[in-house]
Structure formats: structure tokens, C-alpha cells
């Protein structure tokens, strides 16, 4: 059976409209449906990072460029650059293909005098989160991450939906399709809840003072 005929459920997707996977959120129109993240989430993450380092003028954007994620990294990068420019930040792109490139990327950020770091979504970056977190600490870069696992590993801050909620909702789509529903008729959903995690211990190591307003909004503060 051709791939375009097989029902596909997205558990977490960044840009299905831009990549042409769906025609619209309300009417996907093809064999793909499920859940996606809103493009404005990128801007929100940048705004939160800006609250922590309000005097910063340069932000580095770490992006994985791999053959397994064609088209996704460039789209995510554009969103990040656009969000950074809207805040008046100069951007520096750090491209990596795997952990062997991490050290050189952070050295490049240091040479360019980056004052903050935004780590974009990627399975590779997520899997190797501990060395990324350690390098951010070594180079004294306040960093925003996509998921709480980074903060639990020692990262500074993360903001995003809970993976378990999205996978659970994806199972609902699978159930509907198995009962006869067509992916083309199942609207693509966006998460209703987002979680903010802050590691205050890491902030102290970086000699940063987290605004009290931000701490009060956090779902969890790691001391």
C-alpha cells in the first residue's frame, strides 16, 4: 500500500502546514492528522529567556541538521530567528549533526560572545541532553530548552507541553481511525497546557537572578 494511503497520526509535530503534510488544522485533507505545536510557541520561549537575561543582545540558536529530519530544522530555525529579531536580538546559528559537534558549537558561541542560547527541538539533542547541559554550564550560557528533561538534567529553563499528554491524545486519534474515522476529517489539535520548569540551582551557578514573577509562574522550580 502506498504511504499516502496509510493513516498517519502525529504525536508531536512542529510545522505540518509549512511542510505540506496537511491542508489546514480544521481539515487536514489527506492521510495525516494528530497534534502539532503552534508557531507562536517559539516566540514565547524567546520571551521567557529574555526575562532572565534582559540586557543580553546576542542569542545563539542550536539546531540539529540531520538526514532523518529533512526540512524540519530549516523551518524551526526561521521561526527562532524571526522571534529573536522581534526582541531586538542578534542571532548566531549553531548547526550540529551529532554530539561530536557540540564542543565546537559552544566554542563558536563563546567566540561570538553569545549571551544566551535557545536549544531547538530534535531527537538527537534530546537524547544527548546531558552533554549539552554540561557545555552550557561550562560556557556560562543561560539556555532555554524544549522539555523538562533538560532542566532535570541541570538545564536552566524549559517551556512546552507535557509529552505524556500529547502521546495520550495521539492514542485517541488512533482509536478513532481504527473505528472507521478518516484522518482527512479529524482536525489537527494543539496542546491546551504548557509547563514552565526552572532550575534555580543552575541560575545561582550562572549568577543569575530569576525574576520573582517568573518563579511564581513556574510549574516546578528545582532548588
N, C-alpha and C. Protein backbone atom coordinates (compact mmCIF):
# COMPACT_ATOMS: atom_id res chain seq x y z
N UNK A 1 0.84 -1.20 0.00
CA UNK A 1 0.00 0.00 0.00
C UNK A 1 0.88 1.26 0.00
N UNK A 2 0.62 2.25 -0.88
CA UNK A 2 1.41 3.48 -0.90
C UNK A 2 1.32 4.21 0.44
N UNK A 3 2.42 4.87 0.81
CA UNK A 3 2.46 5.59 2.09
C UNK A 3 1.33 6.61 2.20
N UNK A 4 1.00 7.26 1.10
CA UNK A 4 -0.04 8.30 1.14
C UNK A 4 -1.41 7.73 1.45
N UNK A 5 -1.54 6.40 1.41
CA UNK A 5 -2.82 5.78 1.73
C UNK A 5 -2.88 5.27 3.16
N UNK A 6 -1.74 5.18 3.82
CA UNK A 6 -1.69 4.68 5.19
C UNK A 6 -2.00 5.81 6.17
N UNK A 7 -2.97 5.64 7.07
CA UNK A 7 -3.25 6.69 8.07
C UNK A 7 -2.04 6.94 8.96
N UNK A 8 -1.70 8.21 9.15
CA UNK A 8 -0.56 8.60 9.98
C UNK A 8 -1.03 9.57 11.04
N UNK A 9 -0.68 9.29 12.30
CA UNK A 9 -1.04 10.15 13.43
C UNK A 9 0.22 10.81 13.97
N UNK A 10 0.24 12.14 13.98
CA UNK A 10 1.36 12.89 14.54
C UNK A 10 1.17 13.01 16.05
N UNK A 11 2.18 12.61 16.82
CA UNK A 11 2.12 12.79 18.28
C UNK A 11 2.64 14.18 18.64
N UNK A 12 3.75 14.57 18.01
CA UNK A 12 4.34 15.90 18.20
C UNK A 12 4.90 16.34 16.86
N UNK A 13 4.36 17.40 16.31
CA UNK A 13 4.84 17.90 15.03
C UNK A 13 5.01 19.40 15.11
N UNK A 14 6.03 19.90 14.44
CA UNK A 14 6.31 21.33 14.53
C UNK A 14 5.69 22.18 13.44
N UNK A 15 5.73 21.71 12.19
CA UNK A 15 5.30 22.56 11.08
C UNK A 15 4.59 21.76 10.00
N UNK A 16 3.49 21.08 10.31
CA UNK A 16 2.82 20.27 9.28
C UNK A 16 2.22 21.09 8.15
N UNK A 17 1.80 22.32 8.44
CA UNK A 17 1.26 23.17 7.38
C UNK A 17 2.36 23.60 6.42
N UNK A 18 3.48 24.07 6.98
CA UNK A 18 4.59 24.56 6.16
C UNK A 18 5.23 23.46 5.33
N UNK A 19 5.25 22.24 5.86
CA UNK A 19 5.86 21.13 5.13
C UNK A 19 4.88 20.44 4.20
N UNK A 20 3.61 20.88 4.22
CA UNK A 20 2.63 20.33 3.30
C UNK A 20 2.02 19.01 3.73
N UNK A 21 2.22 18.63 4.99
CA UNK A 21 1.63 17.37 5.45
C UNK A 21 0.12 17.46 5.56
N UNK A 22 -0.39 18.65 5.87
CA UNK A 22 -1.83 18.86 5.98
C UNK A 22 -2.23 20.12 5.23
N UNK A 23 -3.51 20.19 4.86
CA UNK A 23 -4.02 21.36 4.15
C UNK A 23 -4.40 22.47 5.12
N UNK A 24 -4.93 22.10 6.26
CA UNK A 24 -5.29 23.06 7.31
C UNK A 24 -5.48 22.29 8.61
N UNK A 25 -5.52 23.02 9.72
CA UNK A 25 -5.74 22.36 11.01
C UNK A 25 -7.14 21.77 11.09
N UNK A 26 -8.11 22.53 10.62
CA UNK A 26 -9.51 22.09 10.72
C UNK A 26 -9.82 20.93 9.76
N UNK A 27 -9.20 20.97 8.59
CA UNK A 27 -9.44 19.95 7.57
C UNK A 27 -8.10 19.48 7.01
N UNK A 28 -7.48 18.51 7.65
CA UNK A 28 -6.16 18.05 7.18
C UNK A 28 -6.16 17.65 5.71
N UNK A 29 -7.25 16.98 5.28
CA UNK A 29 -7.43 16.71 3.87
C UNK A 29 -6.67 15.55 3.28
N UNK A 30 -5.82 14.90 4.04
CA UNK A 30 -5.06 13.78 3.49
C UNK A 30 -5.09 12.58 4.42
N UNK A 31 -3.95 11.92 4.54
CA UNK A 31 -3.88 10.73 5.40
C UNK A 31 -3.17 11.01 6.72
N UNK A 32 -2.89 12.31 7.00
CA UNK A 32 -2.16 12.69 8.20
C UNK A 32 -3.02 13.56 9.11
N UNK A 33 -3.02 13.26 10.39
CA UNK A 33 -3.71 14.09 11.39
C UNK A 33 -2.98 13.90 12.73
N UNK A 34 -3.52 14.50 13.79
CA UNK A 34 -2.89 14.35 15.10
C UNK A 34 -2.67 15.66 15.80
N UNK A 35 -1.47 15.85 16.35
CA UNK A 35 -1.19 17.03 17.15
C UNK A 35 0.01 17.80 16.62
N UNK A 36 -0.03 19.11 16.78
CA UNK A 36 1.07 19.95 16.36
C UNK A 36 1.29 21.07 17.36
N UNK A 37 2.47 21.64 17.34
CA UNK A 37 2.80 22.76 18.22
C UNK A 37 2.54 24.07 17.48
N UNK A 38 2.00 25.08 18.15
CA UNK A 38 1.73 26.36 17.50
C UNK A 38 3.03 27.11 17.21
N UNK A 39 3.12 27.81 16.09
CA UNK A 39 4.35 28.54 15.76
C UNK A 39 4.70 29.62 16.77
N UNK A 40 3.67 30.18 17.45
CA UNK A 40 3.95 31.24 18.43
C UNK A 40 4.66 30.72 19.68
N UNK A 41 4.75 29.39 19.84
CA UNK A 41 5.46 28.82 20.99
C UNK A 41 6.94 29.22 20.97
N UNK A 42 7.51 29.30 19.78
CA UNK A 42 8.91 29.70 19.65
C UNK A 42 9.13 31.09 20.22
N UNK A 43 8.23 32.01 19.87
CA UNK A 43 8.34 33.37 20.38
C UNK A 43 8.19 33.43 21.89
N UNK A 44 7.30 32.61 22.44
CA UNK A 44 7.09 32.59 23.89
C UNK A 44 8.36 32.13 24.60
N UNK A 45 9.01 31.14 24.05
CA UNK A 45 10.25 30.66 24.68
C UNK A 45 11.31 31.76 24.66
N UNK A 46 11.41 32.47 23.55
CA UNK A 46 12.38 33.56 23.47
C UNK A 46 12.06 34.65 24.48
N UNK A 47 10.79 34.96 24.65
CA UNK A 47 10.38 35.99 25.61
C UNK A 47 10.75 35.60 27.03
N UNK A 48 10.55 34.33 27.37
CA UNK A 48 10.89 33.86 28.71
C UNK A 48 12.40 33.94 28.95
N UNK A 49 13.17 33.58 27.93
CA UNK A 49 14.62 33.66 28.04
C UNK A 49 15.04 35.12 28.21
N UNK A 50 14.37 36.00 27.52
CA UNK A 50 14.68 37.43 27.61
C UNK A 50 14.41 37.97 29.02
N UNK A 51 13.39 37.43 29.68
CA UNK A 51 13.11 37.86 31.05
C UNK A 51 14.26 37.53 32.00
N UNK A 52 14.97 36.45 31.71
CA UNK A 52 16.07 36.03 32.57
C UNK A 52 17.34 36.84 32.29
N UNK A 53 17.55 37.18 31.01
CA UNK A 53 18.74 37.96 30.64
C UNK A 53 18.29 39.20 29.86
N UNK A 54 17.65 40.14 30.54
CA UNK A 54 17.06 41.30 29.86
C UNK A 54 18.07 42.21 29.16
N UNK A 55 19.34 42.16 29.58
CA UNK A 55 20.34 43.05 28.98
C UNK A 55 21.10 42.38 27.83
N UNK A 56 20.81 41.12 27.57
CA UNK A 56 21.51 40.41 26.50
C UNK A 56 21.11 40.97 25.13
N UNK A 57 22.06 40.93 24.21
CA UNK A 57 21.80 41.42 22.85
C UNK A 57 22.07 40.36 21.79
N UNK A 58 22.74 39.26 22.18
CA UNK A 58 23.09 38.21 21.22
C UNK A 58 22.61 36.85 21.74
N UNK A 59 21.88 36.14 20.90
CA UNK A 59 21.41 34.81 21.27
C UNK A 59 21.89 33.80 20.23
N UNK A 60 22.40 32.69 20.70
CA UNK A 60 22.80 31.60 19.81
C UNK A 60 21.64 30.61 19.71
N UNK A 61 21.44 30.06 18.53
CA UNK A 61 20.35 29.10 18.29
C UNK A 61 20.99 27.78 17.88
N UNK A 62 20.81 26.77 18.71
CA UNK A 62 21.39 25.46 18.43
C UNK A 62 20.37 24.61 17.67
N UNK A 63 20.76 24.13 16.50
CA UNK A 63 19.84 23.36 15.67
C UNK A 63 20.56 22.13 15.12
N UNK A 64 19.86 21.00 15.14
CA UNK A 64 20.41 19.76 14.59
C UNK A 64 20.03 19.66 13.12
N UNK A 65 21.00 19.39 12.28
CA UNK A 65 20.75 19.22 10.85
C UNK A 65 21.12 17.80 10.48
N UNK A 66 20.12 16.94 10.37
CA UNK A 66 20.37 15.53 10.08
C UNK A 66 19.52 15.08 8.91
N UNK A 67 19.93 13.99 8.30
CA UNK A 67 19.20 13.44 7.15
C UNK A 67 17.87 12.84 7.57
N UNK A 68 17.70 12.58 8.87
CA UNK A 68 16.45 11.97 9.34
C UNK A 68 15.37 13.01 9.61
N UNK A 69 15.75 14.30 9.56
CA UNK A 69 14.79 15.36 9.81
C UNK A 69 14.81 16.40 8.69
N UNK A 70 14.64 15.97 7.43
CA UNK A 70 14.74 16.91 6.31
C UNK A 70 13.64 17.95 6.36
N UNK A 71 14.02 19.21 6.17
CA UNK A 71 13.04 20.28 6.10
C UNK A 71 12.59 20.81 7.43
N UNK A 72 12.70 20.05 8.49
CA UNK A 72 12.20 20.47 9.79
C UNK A 72 13.13 21.50 10.43
N UNK A 73 14.43 21.21 10.44
CA UNK A 73 15.38 22.13 11.06
C UNK A 73 15.36 23.51 10.43
N UNK A 74 15.38 23.64 9.08
CA UNK A 74 15.33 24.97 8.48
C UNK A 74 14.08 25.76 8.87
N UNK A 75 12.93 25.09 8.95
CA UNK A 75 11.70 25.79 9.33
C UNK A 75 11.77 26.26 10.78
N UNK A 76 12.23 25.38 11.67
CA UNK A 76 12.36 25.77 13.06
C UNK A 76 13.36 26.89 13.25
N UNK A 77 14.41 26.86 12.45
CA UNK A 77 15.43 27.90 12.54
C UNK A 77 14.85 29.26 12.14
N UNK A 78 14.08 29.28 11.07
CA UNK A 78 13.48 30.54 10.61
C UNK A 78 12.56 31.12 11.69
N UNK A 79 11.79 30.26 12.33
CA UNK A 79 10.89 30.72 13.38
C UNK A 79 11.69 31.33 14.54
N UNK A 80 12.79 30.68 14.90
CA UNK A 80 13.62 31.18 16.00
C UNK A 80 14.29 32.50 15.65
N UNK A 81 14.79 32.60 14.44
CA UNK A 81 15.44 33.84 14.02
C UNK A 81 14.43 34.99 13.99
N UNK A 82 13.25 34.70 13.50
CA UNK A 82 12.20 35.73 13.44
C UNK A 82 11.81 36.18 14.84
N UNK A 83 11.67 35.24 15.76
CA UNK A 83 11.31 35.58 17.14
C UNK A 83 12.41 36.39 17.82
N UNK A 84 13.66 36.03 17.57
CA UNK A 84 14.78 36.74 18.18
C UNK A 84 14.86 38.17 17.66
N UNK A 85 14.68 38.34 16.36
CA UNK A 85 14.73 39.69 15.78
C UNK A 85 13.63 40.58 16.32
N UNK A 86 12.46 39.97 16.59
CA UNK A 86 11.35 40.77 17.11
C UNK A 86 11.66 41.32 18.51
N UNK A 87 12.60 40.67 19.20
CA UNK A 87 13.02 41.13 20.53
C UNK A 87 14.26 42.01 20.47
N UNK A 88 14.74 42.26 19.26
CA UNK A 88 15.92 43.11 19.10
C UNK A 88 17.23 42.38 19.30
N UNK A 89 17.20 41.06 19.26
CA UNK A 89 18.41 40.26 19.46
C UNK A 89 19.12 40.00 18.13
N UNK A 90 20.45 39.95 18.19
CA UNK A 90 21.25 39.46 17.08
C UNK A 90 21.36 37.94 17.25
N UNK A 91 21.33 37.22 16.16
CA UNK A 91 21.34 35.75 16.25
C UNK A 91 22.62 35.15 15.69
N UNK A 92 22.96 34.01 16.25
CA UNK A 92 24.07 33.21 15.75
C UNK A 92 23.57 31.77 15.67
N UNK A 93 23.68 31.16 14.51
CA UNK A 93 23.19 29.80 14.31
C UNK A 93 24.32 28.81 14.55
N UNK A 94 24.05 27.82 15.39
CA UNK A 94 25.00 26.75 15.69
C UNK A 94 24.42 25.44 15.16
N UNK A 95 24.98 24.96 14.06
CA UNK A 95 24.48 23.72 13.46
C UNK A 95 25.32 22.53 13.91
N UNK A 96 24.63 21.47 14.32
CA UNK A 96 25.32 20.24 14.73
C UNK A 96 24.64 19.05 14.07
N UNK A 97 25.41 18.02 13.83
CA UNK A 97 24.85 16.78 13.29
C UNK A 97 24.80 15.70 14.36
N UNK A 98 25.56 15.89 15.42
CA UNK A 98 25.60 14.91 16.49
C UNK A 98 26.49 15.41 17.62
N UNK A 99 26.66 14.60 18.66
CA UNK A 99 27.43 15.02 19.84
C UNK A 99 28.88 15.37 19.55
N UNK A 100 29.43 14.84 18.47
CA UNK A 100 30.82 15.16 18.12
C UNK A 100 30.98 16.64 17.77
N UNK A 101 29.87 17.30 17.40
CA UNK A 101 29.91 18.71 17.01
C UNK A 101 29.60 19.66 18.16
N UNK A 102 29.15 19.14 19.29
CA UNK A 102 28.68 20.01 20.38
C UNK A 102 29.77 20.95 20.88
N UNK A 103 30.95 20.40 21.15
CA UNK A 103 32.02 21.20 21.72
C UNK A 103 32.39 22.38 20.82
N UNK A 104 32.55 22.12 19.52
CA UNK A 104 32.90 23.17 18.57
C UNK A 104 31.81 24.23 18.49
N UNK A 105 30.55 23.80 18.59
CA UNK A 105 29.43 24.74 18.53
C UNK A 105 29.47 25.72 19.70
N UNK A 106 29.73 25.20 20.88
CA UNK A 106 29.77 26.07 22.06
C UNK A 106 31.00 26.97 22.04
N UNK A 107 32.10 26.46 21.51
CA UNK A 107 33.29 27.31 21.37
C UNK A 107 33.02 28.47 20.42
N UNK A 108 32.27 28.18 19.34
CA UNK A 108 31.91 29.23 18.38
C UNK A 108 31.01 30.27 19.04
N UNK A 109 30.10 29.81 19.89
CA UNK A 109 29.21 30.73 20.60
C UNK A 109 30.00 31.65 21.53
N UNK A 110 30.99 31.08 22.19
CA UNK A 110 31.83 31.87 23.10
C UNK A 110 32.64 32.91 22.33
N UNK A 111 33.20 32.50 21.19
CA UNK A 111 33.98 33.43 20.39
C UNK A 111 33.12 34.59 19.88
N UNK A 112 31.86 34.30 19.57
CA UNK A 112 30.96 35.33 19.06
C UNK A 112 30.29 36.12 20.19
N UNK A 113 30.65 35.80 21.44
CA UNK A 113 30.14 36.50 22.61
C UNK A 113 28.61 36.37 22.75
N UNK A 114 28.11 35.19 22.49
CA UNK A 114 26.69 34.94 22.71
C UNK A 114 26.39 35.08 24.20
N UNK A 115 25.23 35.63 24.51
CA UNK A 115 24.86 35.86 25.91
C UNK A 115 23.69 34.99 26.36
N UNK A 116 23.12 34.25 25.42
CA UNK A 116 22.01 33.34 25.72
C UNK A 116 21.96 32.29 24.64
N UNK A 117 21.26 31.20 24.93
CA UNK A 117 21.18 30.08 23.99
C UNK A 117 19.76 29.53 23.96
N UNK A 118 19.28 29.26 22.75
CA UNK A 118 17.99 28.58 22.61
C UNK A 118 18.24 27.25 21.90
N UNK A 119 17.91 26.16 22.56
CA UNK A 119 18.12 24.83 22.00
C UNK A 119 16.82 24.37 21.34
N UNK A 120 16.85 24.17 20.04
CA UNK A 120 15.65 23.81 19.30
C UNK A 120 15.32 22.33 19.46
N UNK A 121 14.13 21.95 19.01
CA UNK A 121 13.66 20.58 19.17
C UNK A 121 14.36 19.63 18.20
N UNK A 122 14.80 18.50 18.72
CA UNK A 122 15.42 17.46 17.90
C UNK A 122 15.59 16.21 18.74
N UNK A 123 15.27 15.04 18.19
CA UNK A 123 15.51 13.79 18.93
C UNK A 123 16.97 13.63 19.33
N UNK A 124 17.88 14.05 18.46
CA UNK A 124 19.31 13.90 18.77
C UNK A 124 19.70 14.77 19.95
N UNK A 125 19.23 16.03 19.95
CA UNK A 125 19.57 16.93 21.05
C UNK A 125 18.94 16.45 22.35
N UNK A 126 17.75 15.93 22.24
CA UNK A 126 17.07 15.43 23.45
C UNK A 126 17.79 14.21 24.02
N UNK A 127 18.20 13.31 23.16
CA UNK A 127 18.87 12.09 23.61
C UNK A 127 20.21 12.42 24.28
N UNK A 128 20.90 13.43 23.75
CA UNK A 128 22.21 13.80 24.29
C UNK A 128 22.11 15.07 25.13
N UNK A 129 21.04 15.18 25.90
CA UNK A 129 20.80 16.41 26.65
C UNK A 129 21.84 16.67 27.74
N UNK A 130 22.36 15.62 28.38
CA UNK A 130 23.30 15.84 29.48
C UNK A 130 24.58 16.54 29.02
N UNK A 131 25.23 16.09 27.94
CA UNK A 131 26.41 16.84 27.50
C UNK A 131 26.08 18.26 27.06
N UNK A 132 24.90 18.49 26.50
CA UNK A 132 24.50 19.84 26.12
C UNK A 132 24.36 20.73 27.35
N UNK A 133 23.69 20.22 28.36
CA UNK A 133 23.51 20.96 29.60
C UNK A 133 24.86 21.27 30.25
N UNK A 134 25.76 20.29 30.25
CA UNK A 134 27.08 20.47 30.85
C UNK A 134 27.89 21.52 30.09
N UNK A 135 27.78 21.53 28.78
CA UNK A 135 28.52 22.50 27.97
C UNK A 135 27.96 23.91 28.17
N UNK A 136 26.64 24.01 28.31
CA UNK A 136 26.04 25.32 28.58
C UNK A 136 26.54 25.88 29.90
N UNK A 137 26.69 25.01 30.90
CA UNK A 137 27.21 25.44 32.20
C UNK A 137 28.68 25.83 32.10
N UNK A 138 29.45 25.02 31.38
CA UNK A 138 30.88 25.29 31.22
C UNK A 138 31.13 26.63 30.55
N UNK A 139 30.30 26.94 29.54
CA UNK A 139 30.47 28.20 28.79
C UNK A 139 29.61 29.33 29.35
N UNK A 140 28.97 29.05 30.48
CA UNK A 140 28.17 30.06 31.19
C UNK A 140 27.11 30.71 30.28
N UNK A 141 26.37 29.85 29.57
CA UNK A 141 25.32 30.33 28.68
C UNK A 141 23.94 30.01 29.27
N UNK A 142 23.16 31.01 29.62
CA UNK A 142 21.78 30.77 30.04
C UNK A 142 21.00 30.20 28.86
N UNK A 143 20.41 29.03 29.04
CA UNK A 143 19.80 28.34 27.91
C UNK A 143 18.34 27.98 28.14
N UNK A 144 17.55 28.14 27.06
CA UNK A 144 16.15 27.72 27.03
C UNK A 144 16.08 26.38 26.31
N UNK A 145 15.35 25.45 26.91
CA UNK A 145 15.18 24.12 26.32
C UNK A 145 13.71 23.85 26.03
N UNK A 146 13.47 22.80 25.26
CA UNK A 146 12.11 22.47 24.84
C UNK A 146 11.34 21.67 25.90
N UNK A 147 12.06 20.88 26.69
CA UNK A 147 11.40 19.92 27.57
C UNK A 147 12.00 19.90 28.97
N UNK A 148 11.20 19.47 29.92
CA UNK A 148 11.62 19.49 31.32
C UNK A 148 12.80 18.56 31.60
N UNK A 149 12.98 17.51 30.77
CA UNK A 149 14.09 16.59 31.00
C UNK A 149 15.44 17.31 30.99
N UNK A 150 15.54 18.36 30.20
CA UNK A 150 16.78 19.14 30.16
C UNK A 150 17.01 19.85 31.50
N UNK A 151 15.95 20.40 32.07
CA UNK A 151 16.05 21.11 33.34
C UNK A 151 16.36 20.13 34.46
N UNK A 152 15.76 18.96 34.41
CA UNK A 152 16.04 17.94 35.42
C UNK A 152 17.49 17.46 35.33
N UNK A 153 18.08 17.61 34.13
CA UNK A 153 19.49 17.21 33.94
C UNK A 153 20.45 18.34 34.29
N UNK A 154 19.90 19.50 34.70
CA UNK A 154 20.74 20.62 35.08
C UNK A 154 20.61 21.85 34.21
N UNK A 155 19.72 21.80 33.21
CA UNK A 155 19.49 22.95 32.35
C UNK A 155 18.77 24.06 33.10
N UNK A 156 18.80 25.26 32.55
CA UNK A 156 18.26 26.42 33.25
C UNK A 156 16.74 26.50 33.21
N UNK A 157 16.15 26.43 32.01
CA UNK A 157 14.71 26.66 31.89
C UNK A 157 14.16 25.91 30.68
N UNK A 158 12.91 25.48 30.80
CA UNK A 158 12.22 24.85 29.67
C UNK A 158 10.77 25.29 29.67
N UNK A 159 10.19 25.26 28.48
CA UNK A 159 8.77 25.62 28.35
C UNK A 159 8.18 24.84 27.20
N UNK A 160 7.13 24.11 27.49
CA UNK A 160 6.49 23.32 26.43
C UNK A 160 5.39 22.43 26.99
N UNK A 161 4.72 21.70 26.11
CA UNK A 161 3.66 20.80 26.55
C UNK A 161 4.24 19.54 27.18
N UNK A 162 3.41 18.84 27.91
CA UNK A 162 3.84 17.58 28.51
C UNK A 162 3.73 16.47 27.47
N UNK A 163 4.84 15.77 27.25
CA UNK A 163 4.86 14.71 26.25
C UNK A 163 3.78 13.67 26.48
N UNK A 164 3.61 13.27 27.73
CA UNK A 164 2.64 12.21 28.05
C UNK A 164 1.23 12.60 27.62
N UNK A 165 0.89 13.88 27.78
CA UNK A 165 -0.44 14.34 27.37
C UNK A 165 -0.62 14.23 25.86
N UNK A 166 0.42 14.56 25.12
CA UNK A 166 0.33 14.53 23.67
C UNK A 166 0.27 13.09 23.16
N UNK A 167 1.05 12.21 23.76
CA UNK A 167 1.01 10.81 23.33
C UNK A 167 -0.35 10.17 23.68
N UNK A 168 -0.89 10.57 24.82
CA UNK A 168 -2.19 10.05 25.22
C UNK A 168 -3.28 10.50 24.22
N UNK A 169 -3.18 11.76 23.82
CA UNK A 169 -4.15 12.28 22.86
C UNK A 169 -3.96 11.65 21.48
N UNK A 170 -2.71 11.35 21.14
CA UNK A 170 -2.44 10.68 19.87
C UNK A 170 -3.11 9.31 19.84
N UNK A 171 -3.13 8.64 21.00
CA UNK A 171 -3.78 7.33 21.08
C UNK A 171 -5.28 7.46 20.80
N UNK A 172 -5.85 8.59 21.20
CA UNK A 172 -7.27 8.84 20.90
C UNK A 172 -7.50 8.89 19.39
N UNK A 173 -6.60 9.52 18.66
CA UNK A 173 -6.71 9.59 17.20
C UNK A 173 -6.61 8.19 16.59
N UNK A 174 -5.66 7.41 17.09
CA UNK A 174 -5.50 6.05 16.58
C UNK A 174 -6.79 5.26 16.80
N UNK A 175 -7.39 5.42 17.97
CA UNK A 175 -8.63 4.72 18.28
C UNK A 175 -9.75 5.12 17.32
N UNK A 176 -9.85 6.42 17.05
CA UNK A 176 -10.88 6.91 16.14
C UNK A 176 -10.70 6.35 14.73
N UNK A 177 -9.46 6.31 14.28
CA UNK A 177 -9.18 5.80 12.93
C UNK A 177 -9.47 4.31 12.84
N UNK A 178 -9.09 3.57 13.88
CA UNK A 178 -9.36 2.13 13.88
C UNK A 178 -10.86 1.83 13.89
N UNK A 179 -11.63 2.78 14.37
CA UNK A 179 -13.09 2.62 14.40
C UNK A 179 -13.76 3.16 13.14
N UNK A 180 -12.94 3.59 12.17
CA UNK A 180 -13.51 3.98 10.88
C UNK A 180 -13.39 5.43 10.48
N UNK A 181 -12.94 6.29 11.37
CA UNK A 181 -12.80 7.72 11.02
C UNK A 181 -11.67 7.90 10.02
N UNK A 182 -11.80 8.91 9.17
CA UNK A 182 -10.77 9.21 8.18
C UNK A 182 -9.85 10.33 8.70
N UNK A 183 -8.56 10.17 8.56
CA UNK A 183 -7.63 11.22 9.00
C UNK A 183 -7.96 12.58 8.39
N UNK A 184 -8.41 12.58 7.17
CA UNK A 184 -8.71 13.82 6.46
C UNK A 184 -9.79 14.63 7.17
N UNK A 185 -10.64 13.94 7.95
CA UNK A 185 -11.77 14.61 8.61
C UNK A 185 -11.53 14.89 10.09
N UNK A 186 -10.39 14.47 10.62
CA UNK A 186 -10.09 14.68 12.05
C UNK A 186 -9.22 15.92 12.21
N UNK A 187 -9.74 17.00 12.78
CA UNK A 187 -8.95 18.23 12.92
C UNK A 187 -7.65 18.01 13.70
N UNK A 188 -6.61 18.66 13.27
CA UNK A 188 -5.32 18.62 13.97
C UNK A 188 -5.42 19.54 15.19
N UNK A 189 -4.99 19.03 16.34
CA UNK A 189 -5.10 19.79 17.59
C UNK A 189 -3.76 20.36 18.03
N UNK A 190 -3.83 21.40 18.85
CA UNK A 190 -2.66 21.97 19.50
C UNK A 190 -2.82 21.79 21.01
N UNK A 191 -1.72 21.67 21.74
CA UNK A 191 -1.80 21.45 23.19
C UNK A 191 -2.55 22.58 23.89
N UNK A 192 -3.28 22.21 24.93
CA UNK A 192 -4.02 23.21 25.71
C UNK A 192 -3.20 23.69 26.91
N UNK A 193 -2.22 22.90 27.32
CA UNK A 193 -1.44 23.24 28.52
C UNK A 193 0.06 23.18 28.22
N UNK A 194 0.77 24.17 28.77
CA UNK A 194 2.22 24.23 28.63
C UNK A 194 2.84 24.37 30.02
N UNK A 195 4.00 23.75 30.21
CA UNK A 195 4.63 23.74 31.52
C UNK A 195 5.95 24.50 31.50
N UNK A 196 6.19 25.24 32.58
CA UNK A 196 7.41 26.02 32.74
C UNK A 196 8.22 25.43 33.88
N UNK A 197 9.45 25.03 33.58
CA UNK A 197 10.35 24.47 34.59
C UNK A 197 11.59 25.35 34.69
N UNK A 198 12.03 25.60 35.92
CA UNK A 198 13.20 26.44 36.15
C UNK A 198 14.11 25.76 37.15
N UNK A 199 15.41 25.76 36.86
CA UNK A 199 16.39 25.19 37.77
C UNK A 199 17.11 26.35 38.46
N UNK A 200 16.70 26.66 39.69
CA UNK A 200 17.27 27.81 40.39
C UNK A 200 18.72 27.53 40.82
N UNK A 201 19.04 26.27 41.03
CA UNK A 201 20.42 25.93 41.37
C UNK A 201 21.35 26.30 40.22
N UNK A 202 20.91 26.00 39.00
CA UNK A 202 21.70 26.36 37.82
C UNK A 202 21.79 27.87 37.67
N UNK A 203 20.68 28.56 37.96
CA UNK A 203 20.68 30.02 37.88
C UNK A 203 21.72 30.61 38.84
N UNK A 204 21.82 30.06 40.03
CA UNK A 204 22.80 30.56 41.00
C UNK A 204 24.22 30.30 40.52
N UNK A 205 24.42 29.14 39.90
CA UNK A 205 25.75 28.83 39.36
C UNK A 205 26.14 29.83 38.28
N UNK A 206 25.15 30.25 37.49
CA UNK A 206 25.40 31.22 36.42
C UNK A 206 25.35 32.66 36.93
N UNK A 207 25.11 32.80 38.24
CA UNK A 207 25.00 34.12 38.87
C UNK A 207 23.87 34.94 38.25
N UNK A 208 22.75 34.27 38.06
CA UNK A 208 21.56 34.92 37.52
C UNK A 208 20.49 35.01 38.60
N UNK A 209 19.77 36.09 38.59
CA UNK A 209 18.63 36.23 39.49
C UNK A 209 17.36 36.07 38.67
N UNK A 210 16.62 35.00 38.95
CA UNK A 210 15.37 34.75 38.24
C UNK A 210 14.30 35.69 38.79
N UNK A 211 13.62 36.46 37.94
CA UNK A 211 12.57 37.36 38.42
C UNK A 211 11.51 36.59 39.22
N UNK A 212 11.07 37.17 40.30
CA UNK A 212 10.07 36.52 41.14
C UNK A 212 8.79 36.24 40.37
N UNK A 213 8.45 37.14 39.46
CA UNK A 213 7.23 36.93 38.65
C UNK A 213 7.34 35.67 37.82
N UNK A 214 8.55 35.36 37.37
CA UNK A 214 8.76 34.16 36.56
C UNK A 214 8.72 32.91 37.44
N UNK A 215 9.29 33.00 38.63
CA UNK A 215 9.27 31.86 39.56
C UNK A 215 7.85 31.51 39.96
N UNK A 216 7.02 32.52 40.14
CA UNK A 216 5.63 32.28 40.53
C UNK A 216 4.82 31.62 39.42
N UNK A 217 5.23 31.84 38.18
CA UNK A 217 4.52 31.24 37.05
C UNK A 217 4.98 29.82 36.75
N UNK A 218 6.10 29.42 37.34
CA UNK A 218 6.68 28.11 37.05
C UNK A 218 5.83 26.98 37.61
N UNK A 219 5.76 25.89 36.85
CA UNK A 219 5.07 24.69 37.34
C UNK A 219 5.95 23.94 38.34
N UNK A 220 7.26 24.09 38.17
CA UNK A 220 8.19 23.50 39.14
C UNK A 220 9.49 24.29 39.14
N UNK A 221 10.00 24.56 40.32
CA UNK A 221 11.30 25.21 40.49
C UNK A 221 12.22 24.21 41.19
N UNK A 222 13.30 23.84 40.53
CA UNK A 222 14.26 22.91 41.10
C UNK A 222 15.30 23.70 41.88
N UNK A 223 15.38 23.41 43.17
CA UNK A 223 16.30 24.15 44.05
C UNK A 223 17.67 23.49 44.09
